[in-house]
Amino acid sequence: TPSPPPDDAWIRSYHRLLPESQSLLASRRSIIPVAISRVNQFDAARLDVEMSAMLKEQLVKVFTLMKPGMLFQYEPELDAFLEFLIWRFSIWVDKPTPGNALMNLRYRDERVVAEVRTGLEGPGLTAPQKIWYCVASVGGQYLFSRLQSFSAFRRWGDSEQRPLARRLWTLIQRIEGIYKAASFLNLLSFLYTGRYRNLIEKALKARLVYRSPHMNRSVSFEYMNRQLVWNEFSEMLLLLLPLLNSSAVKNILSPFAKDKSSSTKEDTVNCPICQVDPAIPFIALPCQHRYCYYCIRTRCASAASFRCLRCNEPVVAIQREGVSSGK
């Protein structure tokens, strides 16, 4: 008969299998990378801009009866107020912005990404992150816009200004250049990694992730196809219209556009070229329609076969009105 195992056999087996079980659990809890569509993130930003523009348009209509131009000087304050409203009722209350909601996106605190398993879960932004987001996106944009308008109004960049004003103008231009260069580098990084659309999100570690893994991005190509067709049609017109003779086309279409019998008295009295009462009235033969002498004489001299603009009949001769003969 086999001898019974020692009393500490299960302890040795436990210690022998413990590393394997821990590695297995760690592999099961590893982060699953989930790629967030870059197009979705760009579309969300564009939709937020469109929403702000719509709100601004509706708010401007309230002040239509006020003095013209008065609202223009407070445009930075108006933009900042609308951006603050969108931030207050979306990001501050842990809700996505209108564009993010349509694209099934939300902000996640990327500083605790180590605790995230699927790549979609994780906590939202903390209160300090939300406040700094408002300060940077709303306050920073407002202050820079006001500083630019004030410096342009004071003409800090002119050579006649004081050295201090010129130094401040140069500093503003350099800061703007550095910001644009950093934004361009961040854009290249975003296109490569798919994280952080702008510098504010990168500084705050606020990453856009999907709200629900089962919600697909709904796309309607109806308006896109309509826009493409109209763009191609307009380009074709821009190519063909300079090649067409507008006078010839007008003469061809004029019999179909207006009936001779329906012409009014004013139409028969005024010159069809300059649309005024002829000072020196001449008539076209053989249709007997009235023209200014200089108008019809110029047309007959420039065109080998001039046709009447009222009836489209060839004009073989002209004579002064009230005269029995002459050309």
Protein backbone atom coordinates (compact mmCIF):
# COMPACT_ATOMS: atom_id res chain seq x y z
CA THR A 1 0.00 0.00 0.00
CA PRO A 2 1.25 3.52 -0.83
CA SER A 3 2.40 5.52 2.12
CA PRO A 4 0.30 8.55 3.05
CA PRO A 5 1.63 11.97 1.96
CA PRO A 6 3.37 14.02 4.59
CA ASP A 7 1.39 16.57 6.49
CA ASP A 8 3.05 19.58 4.83
CA ALA A 9 2.64 18.27 1.24
CA TRP A 10 -0.25 20.61 0.48
CA ILE A 11 1.79 23.58 1.73
CA ARG A 12 4.64 22.73 -0.64
CA SER A 13 2.19 22.31 -3.52
CA TYR A 14 0.58 25.64 -2.71
CA HIS A 15 3.89 27.47 -2.77
CA ARG A 16 4.85 25.69 -6.01
CA LEU A 17 1.60 26.67 -7.81
CA LEU A 18 1.28 30.18 -6.34
CA PRO A 19 3.53 31.97 -8.93
CA GLU A 20 1.68 30.34 -11.82
CA SER A 21 -1.73 31.36 -10.46
CA GLN A 22 -0.57 34.91 -9.86
CA SER A 23 0.83 35.24 -13.39
CA LEU A 24 -2.42 33.82 -14.77
CA LEU A 25 -4.51 36.33 -12.85
CA ALA A 26 -2.22 39.17 -13.92
CA SER A 27 -2.52 38.19 -17.56
CA ARG A 28 -6.31 38.07 -17.32
CA ARG A 29 -6.39 41.54 -15.73
CA SER A 30 -4.02 43.13 -18.20
CA ILE A 31 -5.15 46.24 -20.06
CA ILE A 32 -6.92 45.48 -23.30
CA PRO A 33 -6.03 48.24 -25.80
CA VAL A 34 -9.09 49.80 -27.39
CA ALA A 35 -8.47 52.14 -30.31
CA ILE A 36 -10.62 55.28 -30.19
CA SER A 37 -11.51 56.52 -33.65
CA ARG A 38 -9.65 59.72 -34.50
CA VAL A 39 -12.45 60.72 -36.87
CA ASN A 40 -14.96 60.47 -34.02
CA GLN A 41 -12.85 62.76 -31.87
CA PHE A 42 -12.40 65.35 -34.61
CA ASP A 43 -16.11 65.20 -35.43
CA ALA A 44 -16.97 65.73 -31.78
CA ALA A 45 -14.81 68.87 -31.65
CA ARG A 46 -16.39 70.16 -34.85
CA LEU A 47 -19.90 69.52 -33.52
CA ASP A 48 -19.09 71.44 -30.34
CA VAL A 49 -17.97 74.41 -32.43
CA GLU A 50 -21.17 74.23 -34.49
CA MET A 51 -23.28 74.05 -31.32
CA SER A 52 -21.56 77.14 -29.93
CA ALA A 53 -22.15 78.97 -33.22
CA MET A 54 -25.85 78.05 -33.18
CA LEU A 55 -26.24 79.32 -29.61
CA LYS A 56 -24.43 82.51 -30.53
CA GLU A 57 -26.68 83.07 -33.53
CA GLN A 58 -29.80 82.70 -31.40
CA LEU A 59 -28.42 85.01 -28.73
CA VAL A 60 -27.46 87.67 -31.26
CA LYS A 61 -31.04 87.72 -32.56
CA VAL A 62 -32.17 88.97 -29.14
CA PHE A 63 -30.14 92.16 -29.65
CA THR A 64 -31.21 92.87 -33.25
CA LEU A 65 -33.16 96.00 -32.18
CA MET A 66 -30.19 97.49 -30.36
CA LYS A 67 -27.68 99.92 -31.80
CA PRO A 68 -25.80 98.32 -34.73
CA GLY A 69 -22.24 97.38 -33.90
CA MET A 70 -22.69 97.60 -30.14
CA LEU A 71 -22.63 93.84 -29.70
CA PHE A 72 -19.51 93.51 -31.82
CA GLN A 73 -17.26 95.08 -29.17
CA TYR A 74 -18.44 92.51 -26.62
CA GLU A 75 -18.02 89.49 -28.90
CA PRO A 76 -15.16 87.91 -26.85
CA GLU A 77 -17.29 88.11 -23.70
CA LEU A 78 -20.23 86.56 -25.55
CA ASP A 79 -18.10 83.68 -26.83
CA ALA A 80 -16.64 83.09 -23.37
CA PHE A 81 -20.12 83.11 -21.81
CA LEU A 82 -21.42 80.50 -24.27
CA GLU A 83 -18.36 78.29 -23.79
CA PHE A 84 -18.81 78.55 -20.03
CA LEU A 85 -22.45 77.47 -20.30
CA ILE A 86 -21.49 74.42 -22.35
CA TRP A 87 -18.78 73.53 -19.82
CA ARG A 88 -21.08 74.11 -16.82
CA PHE A 89 -23.86 71.82 -18.02
CA SER A 90 -21.67 69.11 -19.51
CA ILE A 91 -18.16 68.56 -18.16
CA TRP A 92 -18.77 70.00 -14.69
CA VAL A 93 -21.70 67.63 -14.04
CA ASP A 94 -19.85 64.57 -15.45
CA LYS A 95 -21.74 64.63 -18.74
CA PRO A 96 -20.26 64.71 -22.23
CA THR A 97 -20.36 67.80 -24.38
CA PRO A 98 -22.97 67.78 -27.19
CA GLY A 99 -20.37 66.70 -29.75
CA ASN A 100 -18.96 63.98 -27.49
CA ALA A 101 -22.45 62.70 -26.74
CA LEU A 102 -23.27 62.36 -30.43
CA MET A 103 -20.00 60.53 -31.05
CA ASN A 104 -20.41 58.24 -27.98
CA LEU A 105 -17.38 59.72 -26.21
CA ARG A 106 -16.57 60.84 -22.69
CA TYR A 107 -13.56 62.14 -20.77
CA ARG A 108 -11.53 59.77 -18.60
CA ASP A 109 -8.79 60.54 -16.11
CA GLU A 110 -5.77 58.91 -17.73
CA ARG A 111 -3.68 59.21 -14.55
CA VAL A 112 -5.42 56.11 -13.14
CA VAL A 113 -5.18 54.12 -16.36
CA ALA A 114 -3.25 51.40 -14.51
CA GLU A 115 -6.46 50.48 -12.69
CA VAL A 116 -8.41 50.19 -15.95
CA ARG A 117 -8.83 46.71 -17.40
CA THR A 118 -10.86 47.00 -20.58
CA GLY A 119 -9.72 50.41 -21.82
CA LEU A 120 -13.29 51.75 -21.73
CA GLU A 121 -13.96 51.88 -18.02
CA GLY A 122 -12.34 54.19 -15.53
CA PRO A 123 -13.28 57.29 -13.57
CA GLY A 124 -14.14 60.63 -15.12
CA LEU A 125 -12.34 63.88 -14.53
CA THR A 126 -11.74 65.09 -11.00
CA ALA A 127 -12.95 68.48 -9.78
CA PRO A 128 -9.51 70.14 -10.15
CA GLN A 129 -9.23 68.81 -13.70
CA LYS A 130 -12.65 70.23 -14.58
CA ILE A 131 -11.79 73.63 -13.12
CA TRP A 132 -8.44 73.80 -14.91
CA TYR A 133 -10.17 72.73 -18.13
CA CYS A 134 -12.55 75.69 -17.81
CA VAL A 135 -9.73 78.09 -16.92
CA ALA A 136 -7.61 76.99 -19.90
CA SER A 137 -10.29 76.56 -22.56
CA VAL A 138 -12.66 79.40 -21.62
CA GLY A 139 -10.54 81.88 -19.66
CA GLY A 140 -7.35 81.39 -21.67
CA GLN A 141 -9.08 81.84 -24.98
CA TYR A 142 -10.91 84.94 -23.76
CA LEU A 143 -7.80 86.60 -22.30
CA PHE A 144 -5.72 85.95 -25.40
CA SER A 145 -8.48 87.28 -27.69
CA ARG A 146 -8.82 90.44 -25.61
CA LEU A 147 -5.06 90.93 -25.45
CA GLN A 148 -4.77 90.62 -29.23
CA SER A 149 -7.58 93.11 -29.89
CA PHE A 150 -6.21 95.57 -27.32
CA SER A 151 -2.66 95.41 -28.69
CA ALA A 152 -3.91 95.81 -32.26
CA PHE A 153 -6.06 98.79 -31.25
CA ARG A 154 -3.12 100.42 -29.44
CA ARG A 155 -0.80 99.58 -32.35
CA TRP A 156 1.90 98.08 -30.21
CA GLY A 157 3.61 96.71 -33.31
CA ASP A 158 4.21 100.12 -34.92
CA SER A 159 7.76 101.40 -34.99
CA GLU A 160 6.64 104.74 -33.54
CA GLN A 161 5.52 103.13 -30.30
CA ARG A 162 7.54 102.99 -27.11
CA PRO A 163 10.14 100.23 -26.72
CA LEU A 164 8.08 98.56 -23.98
CA ALA A 165 5.01 98.30 -26.24
CA ARG A 166 7.08 96.85 -29.08
CA ARG A 167 8.63 94.30 -26.70
CA LEU A 168 5.20 93.23 -25.49
CA TRP A 169 3.99 92.91 -29.09
CA THR A 170 7.03 90.78 -29.96
CA LEU A 171 6.44 88.64 -26.86
CA ILE A 172 2.79 88.07 -27.83
CA GLN A 173 3.80 87.05 -31.34
CA ARG A 174 6.42 84.64 -30.03
CA ILE A 175 4.01 83.07 -27.54
CA GLU A 176 1.46 82.62 -30.31
CA GLY A 177 4.09 81.06 -32.58
CA ILE A 178 5.26 78.67 -29.86
CA TYR A 179 1.67 77.68 -29.11
CA LYS A 180 0.94 76.98 -32.78
CA ALA A 181 4.11 74.93 -33.15
CA ALA A 182 3.27 72.91 -30.02
CA SER A 183 -0.28 72.40 -31.29
CA PHE A 184 1.07 71.13 -34.61
CA LEU A 185 3.39 68.67 -32.86
CA ASN A 186 0.50 67.54 -30.66
CA LEU A 187 -1.60 67.01 -33.79
CA LEU A 188 1.06 64.74 -35.26
CA SER A 189 1.19 62.83 -31.97
CA PHE A 190 -2.59 62.55 -31.95
CA LEU A 191 -2.67 61.19 -35.48
CA TYR A 192 -0.10 58.58 -34.49
CA THR A 193 -1.42 57.52 -31.06
CA GLY A 194 -5.08 58.63 -31.13
CA ARG A 195 -4.81 60.36 -27.75
CA TYR A 196 -5.30 64.01 -26.72
CA ARG A 197 -6.69 66.21 -29.48
CA ASN A 198 -5.24 69.42 -28.06
CA LEU A 199 -2.67 70.65 -25.57
CA ILE A 200 -5.24 71.20 -22.83
CA GLU A 201 -6.29 67.55 -22.84
CA LYS A 202 -2.65 66.47 -22.91
CA ALA A 203 -1.70 68.69 -19.96
CA LEU A 204 -4.67 67.55 -17.88
CA LYS A 205 -4.38 63.87 -18.93
CA ALA A 206 -8.02 63.96 -19.99
CA ARG A 207 -8.50 61.31 -22.66
CA LEU A 208 -11.60 60.70 -24.75
CA VAL A 209 -12.89 57.11 -24.61
CA TYR A 210 -16.10 55.42 -25.65
CA ARG A 211 -19.04 55.68 -23.28
CA SER A 212 -20.56 52.38 -24.40
CA PRO A 213 -18.71 49.61 -26.28
CA HIS A 214 -21.92 48.49 -28.03
CA MET A 215 -22.91 51.82 -29.59
CA ASN A 216 -21.82 52.24 -33.18
CA ARG A 217 -21.16 55.54 -34.89
CA SER A 218 -24.16 56.22 -37.10
CA VAL A 219 -23.28 57.90 -40.37
CA SER A 220 -25.69 59.20 -43.00
CA PHE A 221 -24.14 59.77 -46.40
CA GLU A 222 -27.22 61.47 -47.84
CA TYR A 223 -26.06 65.03 -47.21
CA MET A 224 -22.47 64.15 -48.02
CA ASN A 225 -23.47 62.79 -51.43
CA ARG A 226 -25.64 65.83 -52.05
CA GLN A 227 -22.75 68.15 -51.20
CA LEU A 228 -20.38 66.25 -53.47
CA VAL A 229 -22.82 66.38 -56.38
CA TRP A 230 -23.34 70.10 -55.93
CA ASN A 231 -19.58 70.74 -55.72
CA GLU A 232 -18.96 68.82 -58.93
CA PHE A 233 -21.83 70.61 -60.68
CA SER A 234 -20.60 74.05 -59.60
CA GLU A 235 -17.07 73.25 -60.78
CA MET A 236 -18.46 72.17 -64.15
CA LEU A 237 -20.38 75.45 -64.45
CA LEU A 238 -17.30 77.46 -63.55
CA LEU A 239 -15.45 75.63 -66.32
CA LEU A 240 -18.12 75.98 -69.02
CA LEU A 241 -19.61 79.41 -68.40
CA PRO A 242 -16.57 81.41 -69.56
CA LEU A 243 -16.67 79.44 -72.84
CA LEU A 244 -20.29 80.32 -73.61
CA ASN A 245 -21.48 83.41 -75.48
CA SER A 246 -23.99 84.93 -73.08
CA SER A 247 -25.59 87.12 -75.75
CA ALA A 248 -26.16 84.18 -78.06
CA VAL A 249 -27.65 82.09 -75.27
CA LYS A 250 -29.92 84.96 -74.25
CA ASN A 251 -31.11 85.42 -77.82
CA ILE A 252 -31.87 81.72 -78.15
CA LEU A 253 -33.82 81.54 -74.87
CA SER A 254 -35.63 84.87 -75.15
CA PRO A 255 -38.49 83.60 -77.42
CA PHE A 256 -39.28 80.89 -74.85
CA ALA A 257 -38.97 83.14 -71.84
CA LYS A 258 -41.39 85.86 -72.95
CA ASP A 259 -44.26 86.01 -75.43
CA LYS A 260 -44.43 88.93 -77.83
CA SER A 261 -48.12 89.47 -77.22
CA SER A 262 -47.61 89.68 -73.43
CA SER A 263 -45.12 92.56 -73.53
CA THR A 264 -46.21 95.61 -71.60
CA LYS A 265 -46.29 99.18 -72.84
CA GLU A 266 -43.20 100.04 -70.85
CA ASP A 267 -41.26 97.20 -72.45
CA THR A 268 -42.10 98.44 -75.94
CA VAL A 269 -41.18 102.05 -75.11
CA ASN A 270 -37.84 101.48 -73.36
CA CYS A 271 -34.69 100.42 -75.15
CA PRO A 272 -34.18 96.67 -74.56
CA ILE A 273 -30.43 97.21 -74.20
CA CYS A 274 -30.15 100.03 -71.66
CA GLN A 275 -33.76 99.75 -70.34
CA VAL A 276 -34.42 103.52 -70.50
CA ASP A 277 -36.53 105.74 -72.73
CA PRO A 278 -34.41 106.41 -75.86
CA ALA A 279 -33.19 110.00 -76.19
CA ILE A 280 -32.65 109.47 -79.93
CA PRO A 281 -35.13 106.73 -80.79
CA PHE A 282 -34.36 104.43 -83.68
CA ILE A 283 -36.33 101.40 -84.81
CA ALA A 284 -35.03 98.07 -86.04
CA LEU A 285 -36.20 96.83 -89.38
CA PRO A 286 -38.21 94.85 -90.14
CA CYS A 287 -39.54 94.18 -86.61
CA GLN A 288 -40.14 97.90 -85.76
CA HIS A 289 -38.87 97.69 -82.14
CA ARG A 290 -37.49 100.87 -80.51
CA TYR A 291 -33.82 101.26 -79.52
CA CYS A 292 -31.43 103.99 -78.56
CA TYR A 293 -29.39 105.06 -81.55
CA TYR A 294 -26.04 104.48 -79.86
CA CYS A 295 -27.11 101.12 -78.41
CA ILE A 296 -28.34 99.57 -81.64
CA ARG A 297 -25.63 101.20 -83.74
CA THR A 298 -22.93 99.75 -81.49
CA ARG A 299 -24.51 96.29 -81.54
CA CYS A 300 -24.89 96.30 -85.32
CA ALA A 301 -21.26 97.38 -85.73
CA SER A 302 -19.90 94.75 -83.35
CA ALA A 303 -21.99 91.79 -84.58
CA ALA A 304 -22.17 90.68 -88.19
CA SER A 305 -25.75 89.47 -87.80
CA PHE A 306 -27.42 91.27 -84.91
CA ARG A 307 -30.82 89.92 -83.82
CA CYS A 308 -33.49 91.93 -82.10
CA LEU A 309 -33.48 91.38 -78.36
CA ARG A 310 -37.28 91.40 -78.20
CA CYS A 311 -38.25 89.09 -81.04
CA ASN A 312 -34.93 87.48 -82.03
CA GLU A 313 -35.43 88.45 -85.68
CA PRO A 314 -32.41 89.52 -87.74
CA VAL A 315 -31.98 93.30 -87.96
CA VAL A 316 -31.30 94.22 -91.60
CA ALA A 317 -31.54 98.00 -91.19
CA ILE A 318 -32.29 100.80 -88.72
CA GLN A 319 -34.09 104.07 -89.15
CA ARG A 320 -35.01 106.98 -86.97
CA GLU A 321 -38.47 106.83 -85.52
CA GLY A 322 -40.93 108.98 -87.47
CA VAL A 323 -38.74 109.02 -90.59
CA SER A 324 -40.01 107.18 -93.66
CA SER A 325 -36.57 106.04 -94.90
CA GLY A 326 -32.87 105.98 -93.97
CA LYS A 327 -30.49 103.78 -92.22
